[in-house]
Amino acid sequence: MLDDRTDATADALLRGAGLRVTATRVAVLGALRSRPHATADDVFETIRDTLPGTSMQSVYNALGDFADAGLARRIEPAGHPGMFELRVGDNHHHVVCTGCGRVDDVDCVVGEAPCLHVPEGSGFLIETAEVTFWGMCPDCRATSEAEKPRGSR
């Protein structure tokens, strides 16, 4: 669920987030639209042929600007590089495959956002909760089952 922003033009999204429209930002936005949970390296690989003058630093700058403006969300599963996605504002969670590293979205698992509640008396006003589930994706599970010796299933 990317909300109605998937239909908005890159220019409109950038301007709506208070960002100047540049070729790099438009390209980075396009890369994130086509590849959710992308690392900065993934984004750079996606855009470098269509935008040959871009640098890795300009990709990092654009991603940081997007995160600061609330246009993108940075997620950092333990042991994995930081990833970026355009799905923001709905407090969803993630599941990470311990085999291949695939990351998928998981809608809020229990109740209203922020899904989890801290004990009373903490003094904190909770705005969001980040939950990461870890397990094996269907492809890795199928491969694992196929590799087991006969009779051990």
Foldseek 3Di string as FASTA:
>chain_A
DLPPCLVDQQCCLQVVLVHDDDPLLNQLVVQQSVDPFAALVSSCVSCCVVPVVDDSVVSVVSQVSCCVSQQWPWDDDPPDGITIHRRGDQQWEWEAEPPPGDIDTHHQDDDGPQNDDDDPPPPDDDDHDYDYHYHHDPVRVVVVVVPDDPPPD
